[in-house]
Amino acid sequence: MLFDADNDGLKDIFVANGIYKDLTDQDYLQYASSEEFVKSIVSGKQIDYKRLIDIIPSHPEPNFIFQNKGNLEFNDKTAEWGLEEPGFQMECLRRPGQ
């Protein structure tokens, strides 16, 4: 994502990482599609969707931000600007209070 994070008039680079509830995780797909697991979440015509969702793995990763210094020069400001905590891509899109 490109935006002026430090209000200096230059576009900085924010790299969001991490996947919350990774539906493409191959281990999850293999396990969730196994006959044994399917039988464990189905009871009559009811499906335990909460259990199905709860086992989806999440992979938090550190995000990065690079300050634009002009002339195509960027400095890594991740730690200095307090963004070194692992997180998920969707967190960068949330507005305060939402």
Protein backbone atom coordinates (compact mmCIF):
# COMPACT_ATOMS: atom_id res chain seq x y z
CA MET A 1 0.00 0.00 0.00
CA LEU A 2 1.34 3.43 -0.92
CA PHE A 3 0.37 6.40 1.24
CA ASP A 4 1.96 9.35 3.00
CA ALA A 5 2.41 7.85 6.48
CA ASP A 6 4.49 10.69 7.88
CA ASN A 7 2.76 13.64 6.17
CA ASP A 8 5.90 14.84 4.39
CA GLY A 9 4.27 14.87 0.94
CA LEU A 10 6.01 11.68 -0.27
CA LYS A 11 4.29 8.30 -0.65
CA ASP A 12 5.65 5.71 1.79
CA ILE A 13 5.35 1.93 1.33
CA PHE A 14 3.41 -0.26 3.76
CA VAL A 15 3.71 -4.04 3.30
CA ALA A 16 0.95 -5.98 5.08
CA ASN A 17 1.63 -9.64 5.79
CA GLY A 18 -0.06 -12.50 7.60
CA ILE A 19 -3.23 -14.38 6.79
CA TYR A 20 -6.18 -14.63 9.17
CA LYS A 21 -8.13 -17.87 8.77
CA ASP A 22 -6.18 -19.15 5.77
CA LEU A 23 -8.72 -21.12 3.76
CA THR A 24 -6.02 -22.12 1.27
CA ASP A 25 -3.85 -23.90 3.86
CA GLN A 26 -3.35 -27.35 2.34
CA ASP A 27 -3.07 -29.15 5.69
CA TYR A 28 -6.41 -27.64 6.76
CA LEU A 29 -8.08 -28.59 3.46
CA GLN A 30 -6.81 -32.15 3.67
CA TYR A 31 -7.90 -32.56 7.31
CA ALA A 32 -11.30 -30.83 6.88
CA SER A 33 -12.13 -32.99 3.89
CA SER A 34 -11.26 -36.27 5.60
CA GLU A 35 -14.17 -38.61 6.16
CA GLU A 36 -13.37 -38.89 9.87
CA PHE A 37 -13.51 -35.10 10.43
CA VAL A 38 -16.65 -34.64 8.33
CA LYS A 39 -18.42 -37.30 10.38
CA SER A 40 -17.33 -35.56 13.59
CA ILE A 41 -18.96 -32.22 12.66
CA VAL A 42 -22.15 -33.57 11.09
CA SER A 43 -25.01 -34.67 13.34
CA GLY A 44 -28.12 -35.61 11.41
CA LYS A 45 -28.82 -32.56 9.24
CA GLN A 46 -26.83 -30.20 11.50
CA ILE A 47 -23.27 -29.09 10.83
CA ASP A 48 -21.01 -27.68 13.53
CA TYR A 49 -19.78 -24.66 11.53
CA LYS A 50 -18.08 -23.12 14.57
CA ARG A 51 -15.82 -26.14 14.94
CA LEU A 52 -15.11 -26.08 11.21
CA ILE A 53 -14.10 -22.39 11.37
CA ASP A 54 -12.19 -22.67 14.65
CA ILE A 55 -9.66 -25.10 13.16
CA ILE A 56 -8.77 -22.86 10.21
CA PRO A 57 -5.15 -21.86 10.81
CA SER A 58 -4.02 -18.24 11.05
CA HIS A 59 -0.52 -17.08 10.19
CA PRO A 60 0.42 -13.73 11.74
CA GLU A 61 3.53 -12.18 10.21
CA PRO A 62 5.40 -8.91 10.79
CA ASN A 63 4.38 -5.95 8.65
CA PHE A 64 6.86 -3.46 7.22
CA ILE A 65 6.82 0.26 6.47
CA PHE A 66 9.39 2.12 4.40
CA GLN A 67 9.73 5.90 4.56
CA ASN A 68 10.19 7.60 1.21
CA LYS A 69 13.26 9.84 1.31
CA GLY A 70 12.88 10.95 -2.32
CA ASN A 71 14.99 9.98 -5.35
CA LEU A 72 13.71 6.38 -5.03
CA GLU A 73 15.36 5.97 -1.60
CA PHE A 74 13.43 4.30 1.23
CA ASN A 75 14.33 3.66 4.88
CA ASP A 76 12.86 0.81 6.93
CA LYS A 77 10.91 2.51 9.76
CA THR A 78 8.99 -0.55 10.94
CA ALA A 79 10.35 -0.69 14.49
CA GLU A 80 10.71 3.07 14.92
CA TRP A 81 7.07 3.65 13.97
CA GLY A 82 5.83 0.77 16.18
CA LEU A 83 4.70 -1.64 13.47
CA GLU A 84 6.93 -4.63 14.22
CA GLU A 85 4.23 -6.74 15.93
CA PRO A 86 3.07 -9.70 13.83
CA GLY A 87 -0.45 -9.24 12.51
CA PHE A 88 -2.80 -9.92 9.64
CA GLN A 89 -3.41 -8.19 6.31
CA MET A 90 -6.98 -7.26 7.16
CA GLU A 91 -5.87 -5.23 10.19
CA CYS A 92 -4.35 -2.54 8.00
CA LEU A 93 -7.72 -1.92 6.35
CA ARG A 94 -9.68 -1.32 9.53
CA ARG A 95 -10.56 2.19 10.54
CA PRO A 96 -10.41 3.16 14.22
CA GLY A 97 -13.66 2.27 15.96
CA GLN A 98 -14.72 -0.33 13.41
